[in-house]
Amino acid sequence: MPDMNAWHPWRWARDHHPDLIIDCTRRLAGDAMGLLGERKIWLHRGLTQAERRTTLTHEIIHIEQPDASEAAVERETARRLITTDQLVDAFRWLRHPTVADLADHLWVDRQAAACRMQHLDPIEVAQIEAATDGDWSWTA
């Protein structure tokens, strides 16, 4: 059964930004995964589903927080995409994951997984500790 609490950027765009056009059909120049226009988001057509989900969330946050720093947008992207409960579940299954394993389990790109782990607060760490009886580790 799908996690109904999972962040769904397409649904969010539909419900909160109904005039926004999302285009996944074009190749973007250079290393660009996404670009933001006035009422349009372009996602590079070669992205994986997890990369599209992450990049779309990132661009939506730029719309909602236009003055936020890139670092703040990255943190908010990771926070929206990866709940504490999802992290706890991931570490119950994976215990000692690589960033690639964690990203795959959480259906995000590696950058979002790493960012989320780098910004865990002490309460989140305690929740993971309790759920895994301390048998977990993370190295970026």
C-alpha atoms as a PDB file:
ATOM      1  CA  MET A   1       0.000   0.000   0.000  1.00  0.00           C
ATOM      2  CA  PRO A   2       1.442   3.417  -0.901  1.00  0.00           C
ATOM      3  CA  ASP A   3       2.436   5.753   1.907  1.00  0.00           C
ATOM      4  CA  MET A   4      -0.395   8.306   1.804  1.00  0.00           C
ATOM      5  CA  ASN A   5       1.706  10.688   3.900  1.00  0.00           C
ATOM      6  CA  ALA A   6       4.509  10.735   1.341  1.00  0.00           C
ATOM      7  CA  TRP A   7       5.201  14.074  -0.309  1.00  0.00           C
ATOM      8  CA  HIS A   8       3.791  14.043  -3.823  1.00  0.00           C
ATOM      9  CA  PRO A   9       5.161  17.047  -5.753  1.00  0.00           C
ATOM     10  CA  TRP A  10       2.849  16.588  -8.744  1.00  0.00           C
ATOM     11  CA  ARG A  11      -0.223  16.555  -6.504  1.00  0.00           C
ATOM     12  CA  TRP A  12       1.113  19.553  -4.591  1.00  0.00           C
ATOM     13  CA  ALA A  13       1.689  21.438  -7.856  1.00  0.00           C
ATOM     14  CA  ARG A  14      -1.829  20.594  -9.017  1.00  0.00           C
ATOM     15  CA  ASP A  15      -3.450  21.662  -5.735  1.00  0.00           C
ATOM     16  CA  HIS A  16      -1.328  24.701  -4.851  1.00  0.00           C
ATOM     17  CA  HIS A  17      -0.021  25.944  -8.203  1.00  0.00           C
ATOM     18  CA  PRO A  18      -2.777  25.088 -10.710  1.00  0.00           C
ATOM     19  CA  ASP A  19      -1.397  27.440 -13.384  1.00  0.00           C
ATOM     20  CA  LEU A  20       2.062  25.858 -13.279  1.00  0.00           C
ATOM     21  CA  ILE A  21       3.135  23.896 -16.357  1.00  0.00           C
ATOM     22  CA  ILE A  22       5.562  21.006 -15.822  1.00  0.00           C
ATOM     23  CA  ASP A  23       7.464  19.895 -18.927  1.00  0.00           C
ATOM     24  CA  CYS A  24       9.535  16.685 -18.861  1.00  0.00           C
ATOM     25  CA  THR A  25      10.103  16.424 -22.616  1.00  0.00           C
ATOM     26  CA  ARG A  26      13.240  18.467 -23.208  1.00  0.00           C
ATOM     27  CA  ARG A  27      16.956  17.959 -22.808  1.00  0.00           C
ATOM     28  CA  LEU A  28      18.368  20.709 -20.634  1.00  0.00           C
ATOM     29  CA  ALA A  29      21.778  22.222 -21.222  1.00  0.00           C
ATOM     30  CA  GLY A  30      24.812  21.214 -19.204  1.00  0.00           C
ATOM     31  CA  ASP A  31      24.200  19.530 -15.872  1.00  0.00           C
ATOM     32  CA  ALA A  32      20.793  21.159 -15.369  1.00  0.00           C
ATOM     33  CA  MET A  33      18.217  18.779 -13.947  1.00  0.00           C
ATOM     34  CA  GLY A  34      15.512  21.427 -13.797  1.00  0.00           C
ATOM     35  CA  LEU A  35      14.827  25.007 -14.774  1.00  0.00           C
ATOM     36  CA  LEU A  36      12.252  27.433 -13.477  1.00  0.00           C
ATOM     37  CA  GLY A  37      10.424  29.901 -15.698  1.00  0.00           C
ATOM     38  CA  GLU A  38       7.669  32.353 -14.843  1.00  0.00           C
ATOM     39  CA  ARG A  39       4.885  29.730 -14.745  1.00  0.00           C
ATOM     40  CA  LYS A  40       6.758  26.692 -15.974  1.00  0.00           C
ATOM     41  CA  ILE A  41       9.171  24.088 -14.660  1.00  0.00           C
ATOM     42  CA  TRP A  42      11.286  22.125 -17.103  1.00  0.00           C
ATOM     43  CA  LEU A  43      12.663  18.782 -15.914  1.00  0.00           C
ATOM     44  CA  HIS A  44      15.454  17.193 -17.945  1.00  0.00           C
ATOM     45  CA  ARG A  45      13.938  14.313 -19.894  1.00  0.00           C
ATOM     46  CA  GLY A  46      16.741  11.910 -18.952  1.00  0.00           C
ATOM     47  CA  LEU A  47      16.031  12.014 -15.216  1.00  0.00           C
ATOM     48  CA  THR A  48      14.987   8.937 -13.290  1.00  0.00           C
ATOM     49  CA  GLN A  49      11.637   8.991 -11.511  1.00  0.00           C
ATOM     50  CA  ALA A  50      13.372   9.683  -8.187  1.00  0.00           C
ATOM     51  CA  GLU A  51      15.371  12.524  -9.765  1.00  0.00           C
ATOM     52  CA  ARG A  52      12.201  14.022 -11.288  1.00  0.00           C
ATOM     53  CA  ARG A  53      10.446  13.840  -7.919  1.00  0.00           C
ATOM     54  CA  THR A  54      13.369  15.500  -6.163  1.00  0.00           C
ATOM     55  CA  THR A  55      13.982  18.149  -8.822  1.00  0.00           C
ATOM     56  CA  LEU A  56      10.308  19.085  -9.081  1.00  0.00           C
ATOM     57  CA  THR A  57      10.136  19.512  -5.304  1.00  0.00           C
ATOM     58  CA  HIS A  58      13.271  21.678  -5.422  1.00  0.00           C
ATOM     59  CA  GLU A  59      11.807  23.953  -8.103  1.00  0.00           C
ATOM     60  CA  ILE A  60       8.442  24.221  -6.306  1.00  0.00           C
ATOM     61  CA  ILE A  61      10.266  25.409  -3.189  1.00  0.00           C
ATOM     62  CA  HIS A  62      12.024  28.070  -5.265  1.00  0.00           C
ATOM     63  CA  ILE A  63       8.547  29.287  -6.302  1.00  0.00           C
ATOM     64  CA  GLU A  64       7.245  29.281  -2.731  1.00  0.00           C
ATOM     65  CA  GLN A  65      10.391  30.728  -1.143  1.00  0.00           C
ATOM     66  CA  PRO A  66      11.906  32.955  -3.841  1.00  0.00           C
ATOM     67  CA  ASP A  67      14.376  34.632  -1.480  1.00  0.00           C
ATOM     68  CA  ALA A  68      15.656  31.424   0.125  1.00  0.00           C
ATOM     69  CA  SER A  69      19.298  30.478  -0.313  1.00  0.00           C
ATOM     70  CA  GLU A  70      20.147  27.429  -2.385  1.00  0.00           C
ATOM     71  CA  ALA A  71      21.239  25.624   0.794  1.00  0.00           C
ATOM     72  CA  ALA A  72      17.895  26.377   2.457  1.00  0.00           C
ATOM     73  CA  VAL A  73      16.025  25.109  -0.610  1.00  0.00           C
ATOM     74  CA  GLU A  74      18.093  21.898  -0.547  1.00  0.00           C
ATOM     75  CA  ARG A  75      17.301  21.332   3.143  1.00  0.00           C
ATOM     76  CA  GLU A  76      13.580  21.974   2.647  1.00  0.00           C
ATOM     77  CA  THR A  77      13.521  19.693  -0.399  1.00  0.00           C
ATOM     78  CA  ALA A  78      15.049  16.874   1.639  1.00  0.00           C
ATOM     79  CA  ARG A  79      12.733  17.515   4.592  1.00  0.00           C
ATOM     80  CA  ARG A  80       9.571  17.452   2.460  1.00  0.00           C
ATOM     81  CA  LEU A  81      10.607  14.345   0.585  1.00  0.00           C
ATOM     82  CA  ILE A  82      11.892  12.340   3.561  1.00  0.00           C
ATOM     83  CA  THR A  83       9.896  12.245   6.785  1.00  0.00           C
ATOM     84  CA  THR A  84      11.338  11.047  10.054  1.00  0.00           C
ATOM     85  CA  ASP A  85       9.058   7.995   9.903  1.00  0.00           C
ATOM     86  CA  GLN A  86      10.415   7.161   6.447  1.00  0.00           C
ATOM     87  CA  LEU A  87      13.981   7.443   7.751  1.00  0.00           C
ATOM     88  CA  VAL A  88      13.185   5.189  10.684  1.00  0.00           C
ATOM     89  CA  ASP A  89      11.698   2.631   8.292  1.00  0.00           C
ATOM     90  CA  ALA A  90      14.736   2.856   6.028  1.00  0.00           C
ATOM     91  CA  PHE A  91      17.163   2.194   8.876  1.00  0.00           C
ATOM     92  CA  ARG A  92      15.051  -0.688  10.181  1.00  0.00           C
ATOM     93  CA  TRP A  93      15.536  -2.345   6.803  1.00  0.00           C
ATOM     94  CA  LEU A  94      18.981  -1.158   5.786  1.00  0.00           C
ATOM     95  CA  ARG A  95      20.812  -0.565   9.111  1.00  0.00           C
ATOM     96  CA  HIS A  96      24.123   0.520   7.511  1.00  0.00           C
ATOM     97  CA  PRO A  97      23.226   1.932   4.084  1.00  0.00           C
ATOM     98  CA  THR A  98      25.312   3.715   1.526  1.00  0.00           C
ATOM     99  CA  VAL A  99      23.904   7.007   0.287  1.00  0.00           C
ATOM    100  CA  ALA A 100      22.846   5.231  -2.923  1.00  0.00           C
ATOM    101  CA  ASP A 101      20.986   2.526  -0.963  1.00  0.00           C
ATOM    102  CA  LEU A 102      19.263   5.089   1.226  1.00  0.00           C
ATOM    103  CA  ALA A 103      18.259   7.232  -1.763  1.00  0.00           C
ATOM    104  CA  ASP A 104      16.862   4.211  -3.572  1.00  0.00           C
ATOM    105  CA  HIS A 105      14.861   3.102  -0.534  1.00  0.00           C
ATOM    106  CA  LEU A 106      13.470   6.620  -0.033  1.00  0.00           C
ATOM    107  CA  TRP A 107      12.765   7.263  -3.725  1.00  0.00           C
ATOM    108  CA  VAL A 108      14.907  10.419  -3.879  1.00  0.00           C
ATOM    109  CA  ASP A 109      18.202  11.356  -5.483  1.00  0.00           C
ATOM    110  CA  ARG A 110      21.492  10.921  -3.631  1.00  0.00           C
ATOM    111  CA  GLN A 111      21.868  14.626  -2.920  1.00  0.00           C
ATOM    112  CA  ALA A 112      18.511  14.764  -1.105  1.00  0.00           C
ATOM    113  CA  ALA A 113      19.295  11.644   0.944  1.00  0.00           C
ATOM    114  CA  ALA A 114      22.705  12.991   1.958  1.00  0.00           C
ATOM    115  CA  CYS A 115      21.297  16.439   2.766  1.00  0.00           C
ATOM    116  CA  ARG A 116      18.548  14.975   4.967  1.00  0.00           C
ATOM    117  CA  MET A 117      21.074  12.910   6.901  1.00  0.00           C
ATOM    118  CA  GLN A 118      23.444  15.869   7.332  1.00  0.00           C
ATOM    119  CA  HIS A 119      20.669  17.899   8.949  1.00  0.00           C
ATOM    120  CA  LEU A 120      19.098  15.400  11.334  1.00  0.00           C
ATOM    121  CA  ASP A 121      18.157  16.925  14.651  1.00  0.00           C
ATOM    122  CA  PRO A 122      18.871  15.134  17.955  1.00  0.00           C
ATOM    123  CA  ILE A 123      15.258  13.973  18.314  1.00  0.00           C
ATOM    124  CA  GLU A 124      15.351  12.327  14.878  1.00  0.00           C
ATOM    125  CA  VAL A 125      18.625  10.602  15.739  1.00  0.00           C
ATOM    126  CA  ALA A 126      17.056   9.347  18.978  1.00  0.00           C
ATOM    127  CA  GLN A 127      14.047   7.992  17.065  1.00  0.00           C
ATOM    128  CA  ILE A 128      16.312   6.059  14.686  1.00  0.00           C
ATOM    129  CA  GLU A 129      18.385   4.807  17.644  1.00  0.00           C
ATOM    130  CA  ALA A 130      15.272   3.572  19.442  1.00  0.00           C
ATOM    131  CA  ALA A 131      13.794   1.897  16.366  1.00  0.00           C
ATOM    132  CA  THR A 132      17.011   0.043  15.544  1.00  0.00           C
ATOM    133  CA  ASP A 133      18.163  -0.702  19.108  1.00  0.00           C
ATOM    134  CA  GLY A 134      21.267   1.317  18.261  1.00  0.00           C
ATOM    135  CA  ASP A 135      22.229  -1.006  15.394  1.00  0.00           C
ATOM    136  CA  TRP A 136      22.560   1.537  12.607  1.00  0.00           C
ATOM    137  CA  SER A 137      25.244   3.717  11.152  1.00  0.00           C
ATOM    138  CA  TRP A 138      25.645   6.457   8.630  1.00  0.00           C
ATOM    139  CA  THR A 139      28.712   7.726   6.855  1.00  0.00           C
ATOM    140  CA  ALA A 140      28.301  10.230   4.081  1.00  0.00           C
END
